[in-house]
Amino acid sequence: MGSAEKPAGEASTHFGFERVALSEKQARVDDVFRSVAKRYDVMNDLMSGGLHRAWKSNLVAMLRPPRNRPFRHLDVAGGTADVAFRVLEAGGRETHVTVLDINEAMLGVGAERAGDRFTGRIDFVTANAEALPLPRGTFDAYTIAFGIRNVPRIEVALAEAYRVLKPGGRFLCLEFSKVDLPVLDRIYDAYSFHVIPRLGARVAGDSESYRYLVESIRKFPTPGRFAGMIEAAGFSRVSHRPLTGGIVAIHSGWKIA
């Protein structure tokens, strides 16, 4: 697919394979997730064959929330609270999770799913990952799962993650990556571009949103380049762990001081 011309006189970025004004991307991403919110978790199961559950479990296993002391956790782009529930179940009674998302429709699904579970241990905040309305040095850990590639200015979101973490805090990002197994890469491409949009049309009534989500994966930085961005934000001991042949990776960094 080709790219549109860069908008004249304004910084631009990608929206899938399309070039758009930087100021325009967030609203278009919001439209995507507003459209798919009600069927988002069902589509995750269908698209990944349920693998997203194992990937998120790996993320929380790396996080290892403690069971015997207070632990404040921030899950950004956490919408439907899938990761938040896992963190709360793995941690102790003094584990508290703030689920933050810019999209109110996604947060509404998460709050509805939470119901009366975890009362006093979970809250939902509508906010932008690039401008967290949270004090410096507040959280023990920060996760973002399948969300950072949708942020218009990734480097700004990473700087905000660093700011709100306590010294010794950990950043973990679960994101689609680059398939590194021959044959699997071709199968994955064919499945992504031909099957997933059709699933989106049939299940969520929206093929274009899922076409964007597939394209956004291909535009995300390589693991090495993304690691460099995490380091540039101030994090130390940066690493990444590929899963399922590189379909996804978990990126890790620590705020040492």
Protein backbone atom coordinates (compact mmCIF):
# COMPACT_ATOMS: atom_id res chain seq x y z
CA MET A 1 0.00 0.00 0.00
CA GLY A 2 1.19 3.50 -0.69
CA SER A 3 1.45 6.41 1.70
CA ALA A 4 -0.35 9.72 1.44
CA GLU A 5 1.59 12.95 1.07
CA LYS A 6 2.97 14.45 4.28
CA PRO A 7 0.58 17.20 5.47
CA ALA A 8 2.04 20.57 4.46
CA GLY A 9 3.39 22.83 7.17
CA GLU A 10 2.84 20.41 10.05
CA ALA A 11 4.71 17.51 11.62
CA SER A 12 3.33 14.18 10.49
CA THR A 13 3.29 10.60 11.65
CA HIS A 14 1.87 7.29 10.50
CA PHE A 15 -1.66 6.05 10.96
CA GLY A 16 -1.19 2.52 9.75
CA PHE A 17 0.34 2.91 6.29
CA GLU A 18 -1.10 6.40 5.87
CA ARG A 19 0.72 9.64 6.71
CA VAL A 20 -1.37 12.04 8.79
CA ALA A 21 -0.80 15.25 10.71
CA LEU A 22 0.62 14.53 14.16
CA SER A 23 -2.27 16.48 15.71
CA GLU A 24 -4.77 14.28 13.87
CA LYS A 25 -3.56 10.82 14.90
CA GLN A 26 -4.91 10.67 18.44
CA ALA A 27 -8.47 11.45 17.37
CA ARG A 28 -8.32 8.79 14.68
CA VAL A 29 -6.95 6.21 17.11
CA ASP A 30 -9.74 7.15 19.53
CA ASP A 31 -12.30 6.48 16.79
CA VAL A 32 -10.80 3.04 16.19
CA PHE A 33 -11.04 1.96 19.82
CA ARG A 34 -14.45 3.56 20.35
CA SER A 35 -15.67 1.44 17.44
CA VAL A 36 -14.21 -1.87 18.66
CA ALA A 37 -14.50 -1.47 22.46
CA LYS A 38 -17.47 -3.79 23.03
CA ARG A 39 -15.95 -6.65 21.01
CA TYR A 40 -12.29 -5.94 21.77
CA ASP A 41 -11.65 -8.90 24.10
CA VAL A 42 -13.60 -11.34 21.92
CA MET A 43 -11.60 -10.24 18.90
CA ASN A 44 -8.33 -10.65 20.82
CA ASP A 45 -9.26 -14.28 21.49
CA LEU A 46 -10.20 -14.90 17.87
CA MET A 47 -7.23 -13.09 16.31
CA SER A 48 -4.60 -14.72 18.51
CA GLY A 49 -6.24 -18.09 19.04
CA GLY A 50 -6.22 -17.24 22.75
CA LEU A 51 -2.47 -16.65 22.80
CA HIS A 52 -2.91 -13.09 24.07
CA ARG A 53 -3.87 -14.62 27.41
CA ALA A 54 -0.55 -16.46 27.66
CA TRP A 55 1.37 -13.36 26.57
CA LYS A 56 -0.30 -11.25 29.28
CA SER A 57 0.36 -13.97 31.85
CA ASN A 58 4.05 -13.84 30.87
CA LEU A 59 3.99 -10.08 31.36
CA VAL A 60 2.60 -10.39 34.88
CA ALA A 61 4.99 -13.25 35.70
CA MET A 62 7.88 -10.90 34.84
CA LEU A 63 6.30 -8.16 36.95
CA ARG A 64 5.96 -10.41 40.02
CA PRO A 65 3.78 -8.14 42.17
CA PRO A 66 4.54 -8.81 45.84
CA ARG A 67 2.00 -10.51 48.11
CA ASN A 68 3.29 -9.17 51.42
CA ARG A 69 3.67 -5.40 51.03
CA PRO A 70 2.02 -2.36 49.38
CA PHE A 71 2.45 -2.21 45.62
CA ARG A 72 1.15 0.60 43.42
CA HIS A 73 0.83 -0.28 39.77
CA LEU A 74 -0.08 1.77 36.70
CA ASP A 75 -1.47 0.03 33.61
CA VAL A 76 -1.56 2.46 30.70
CA ALA A 77 -3.80 1.90 27.67
CA GLY A 78 -5.35 -0.63 30.03
CA GLY A 79 -8.92 -0.11 28.82
CA THR A 80 -10.76 -3.37 29.43
CA ALA A 81 -8.58 -4.12 32.51
CA ASP A 82 -7.40 -7.51 31.26
CA VAL A 83 -3.85 -6.91 32.53
CA ALA A 84 -5.04 -5.13 35.68
CA PHE A 85 -7.09 -8.13 36.82
CA ARG A 86 -4.08 -10.40 36.39
CA VAL A 87 -1.87 -8.07 38.43
CA LEU A 88 -4.44 -7.86 41.22
CA GLU A 89 -4.87 -11.64 41.31
CA ALA A 90 -1.10 -12.19 41.41
CA GLY A 91 -0.42 -9.55 44.06
CA GLY A 92 -1.39 -9.31 47.69
CA ARG A 93 -4.21 -7.41 49.38
CA GLU A 94 -2.14 -4.21 49.33
CA THR A 95 -1.69 -4.28 45.54
CA HIS A 96 -3.51 -1.36 43.93
CA VAL A 97 -3.83 -0.84 40.16
CA THR A 98 -4.67 2.37 38.35
CA VAL A 99 -6.04 1.60 34.88
CA LEU A 100 -5.43 4.56 32.60
CA ASP A 101 -6.71 4.97 29.06
CA ILE A 102 -7.50 7.91 26.82
CA ASN A 103 -10.60 6.16 25.50
CA GLU A 104 -13.65 6.32 27.76
CA ALA A 105 -15.46 3.56 25.85
CA MET A 106 -12.65 1.10 26.59
CA LEU A 107 -12.52 2.17 30.25
CA GLY A 108 -16.28 1.73 30.47
CA VAL A 109 -15.90 -1.89 29.43
CA GLY A 110 -13.17 -2.38 32.03
CA ALA A 111 -15.21 -0.81 34.84
CA GLU A 112 -18.22 -2.93 33.89
CA ARG A 113 -16.09 -6.08 33.91
CA ALA A 114 -14.62 -5.17 37.29
CA GLY A 115 -18.00 -4.68 38.94
CA ASP A 116 -17.61 -5.07 42.70
CA ARG A 117 -14.47 -7.16 42.43
CA PHE A 118 -11.29 -5.66 43.87
CA THR A 119 -13.20 -2.85 45.60
CA GLY A 120 -10.74 -0.24 46.81
CA ARG A 121 -7.87 -1.87 44.90
CA ILE A 122 -8.57 -0.62 41.37
CA ASP A 123 -9.44 2.73 39.86
CA PHE A 124 -9.99 3.96 36.31
CA VAL A 125 -8.55 7.21 34.96
CA THR A 126 -9.22 8.84 31.59
CA ALA A 127 -5.98 10.44 30.46
CA ASN A 128 -3.36 10.64 27.73
CA ALA A 129 -0.18 8.52 28.01
CA GLU A 130 1.77 11.58 26.84
CA ALA A 131 0.55 13.76 29.74
CA LEU A 132 -0.14 11.64 32.82
CA PRO A 133 -2.10 13.61 35.48
CA LEU A 134 -0.12 11.82 38.18
CA PRO A 135 2.65 12.93 40.57
CA ARG A 136 6.30 12.15 39.99
CA GLY A 137 7.59 8.98 41.67
CA THR A 138 4.18 7.49 42.48
CA PHE A 139 4.23 3.94 41.12
CA ASP A 140 6.25 0.78 41.72
CA ALA A 141 5.63 -0.46 38.19
CA TYR A 142 4.15 0.59 34.85
CA THR A 143 2.79 -1.70 32.16
CA ILE A 144 1.42 -1.01 28.71
CA ALA A 145 0.12 -3.90 26.60
CA PHE A 146 -0.57 -3.48 22.89
CA GLY A 147 -0.97 0.25 23.34
CA ILE A 148 2.27 2.09 22.83
CA ARG A 149 2.28 1.70 19.06
CA ASN A 150 -0.93 3.77 18.99
CA VAL A 151 0.63 6.71 20.87
CA PRO A 152 1.43 9.61 18.51
CA ARG A 153 4.69 10.54 20.32
CA ILE A 154 6.15 7.36 21.80
CA GLU A 155 9.20 9.13 23.20
CA VAL A 156 6.97 11.49 25.21
CA ALA A 157 4.97 8.57 26.65
CA LEU A 158 8.22 6.83 27.66
CA ALA A 159 9.44 9.99 29.40
CA GLU A 160 6.15 10.18 31.29
CA ALA A 161 6.48 6.52 32.31
CA TYR A 162 9.92 7.28 33.73
CA ARG A 163 8.62 10.36 35.57
CA VAL A 164 5.78 8.64 37.44
CA LEU A 165 7.82 5.60 38.52
CA LYS A 166 9.55 5.46 41.89
CA PRO A 167 13.33 4.89 41.94
CA GLY A 168 13.68 1.13 41.54
CA GLY A 169 10.43 1.01 39.57
CA ARG A 170 10.00 -1.19 36.52
CA PHE A 171 8.65 -0.45 33.04
CA LEU A 172 7.20 -3.38 31.08
CA CYS A 173 5.73 -3.16 27.60
CA LEU A 174 4.01 -6.01 25.76
CA GLU A 175 3.81 -5.21 22.08
CA PHE A 176 3.67 -6.86 18.69
CA SER A 177 7.12 -7.31 17.22
CA LYS A 178 8.96 -8.69 14.20
CA VAL A 179 8.48 -12.38 13.39
CA ASP A 180 11.94 -13.94 13.12
CA LEU A 181 11.14 -17.47 11.94
CA PRO A 182 11.22 -18.33 8.20
CA VAL A 183 7.87 -19.52 6.82
CA LEU A 184 6.05 -18.30 9.95
CA ASP A 185 6.68 -14.72 8.81
CA ARG A 186 4.87 -15.36 5.50
CA ILE A 187 2.00 -17.20 7.17
CA TYR A 188 1.68 -14.41 9.72
CA ASP A 189 1.58 -11.71 7.03
CA ALA A 190 -1.07 -13.57 5.03
CA TYR A 191 -3.17 -14.11 8.13
CA SER A 192 -2.78 -10.51 9.32
CA PHE A 193 -3.74 -8.78 6.10
CA HIS A 194 -6.37 -11.18 4.75
CA VAL A 195 -8.03 -12.89 7.72
CA ILE A 196 -8.00 -10.34 10.57
CA PRO A 197 -9.87 -7.55 8.70
CA ARG A 198 -12.51 -10.10 7.65
CA LEU A 199 -12.86 -11.25 11.26
CA GLY A 200 -13.24 -7.62 12.28
CA ALA A 201 -16.01 -7.14 9.74
CA ARG A 202 -17.93 -10.24 10.84
CA VAL A 203 -17.48 -10.02 14.62
CA ALA A 204 -17.06 -6.31 15.35
CA GLY A 205 -18.73 -4.91 12.24
CA ASP A 206 -15.56 -2.97 11.42
CA SER A 207 -12.89 -4.19 9.01
CA GLU A 208 -11.10 -0.83 8.62
CA SER A 209 -10.21 -0.51 12.31
CA TYR A 210 -8.61 -3.94 12.26
CA ARG A 211 -6.79 -3.16 9.03
CA TYR A 212 -5.31 -0.13 10.82
CA LEU A 213 -4.29 -2.27 13.81
CA VAL A 214 -2.49 -4.72 11.51
CA GLU A 215 -0.74 -1.91 9.64
CA SER A 216 0.27 -0.20 12.89
CA ILE A 217 2.15 -3.37 13.91
CA ARG A 218 4.26 -3.16 10.75
CA LYS A 219 5.10 0.49 11.43
CA PHE A 220 6.23 -0.08 15.02
CA PRO A 221 10.01 0.22 15.61
CA THR A 222 12.15 -2.92 15.59
CA PRO A 223 13.02 -4.36 19.03
CA GLY A 224 16.52 -2.88 18.88
CA ARG A 225 15.30 0.57 17.92
CA PHE A 226 12.57 0.53 20.56
CA ALA A 227 15.13 -0.53 23.18
CA GLY A 228 17.13 2.56 22.24
CA MET A 229 14.04 4.74 22.77
CA ILE A 230 13.48 3.22 26.22
CA GLU A 231 17.12 3.92 27.15
CA ALA A 232 16.84 7.48 25.83
CA ALA A 233 13.93 8.04 28.24
CA GLY A 234 16.33 7.30 31.13
CA PHE A 235 15.73 3.61 31.81
CA SER A 236 18.54 1.20 32.66
CA ARG A 237 19.04 -2.56 32.19
CA VAL A 238 16.83 -2.44 29.10
CA SER A 239 16.01 -5.78 27.48
CA HIS A 240 13.40 -7.49 25.37
CA ARG A 241 12.08 -11.03 25.33
CA PRO A 242 10.47 -12.36 22.12
CA LEU A 243 7.51 -14.72 22.41
CA THR A 244 5.88 -17.06 19.86
CA GLY A 245 8.55 -16.71 17.21
CA GLY A 246 8.76 -12.95 17.62
CA ILE A 247 5.05 -12.22 17.04
CA VAL A 248 5.19 -10.25 20.27
CA ALA A 249 7.92 -9.14 22.66
CA ILE A 250 8.04 -7.99 26.27
CA HIS A 251 10.30 -4.94 26.70
CA SER A 252 11.72 -4.18 30.14
CA GLY A 253 13.52 -1.27 31.75
CA TRP A 254 14.29 -0.08 35.28
CA LYS A 255 14.33 3.38 36.83
CA ILE A 256 17.53 3.08 38.85
CA ALA A 257 17.61 6.59 40.30
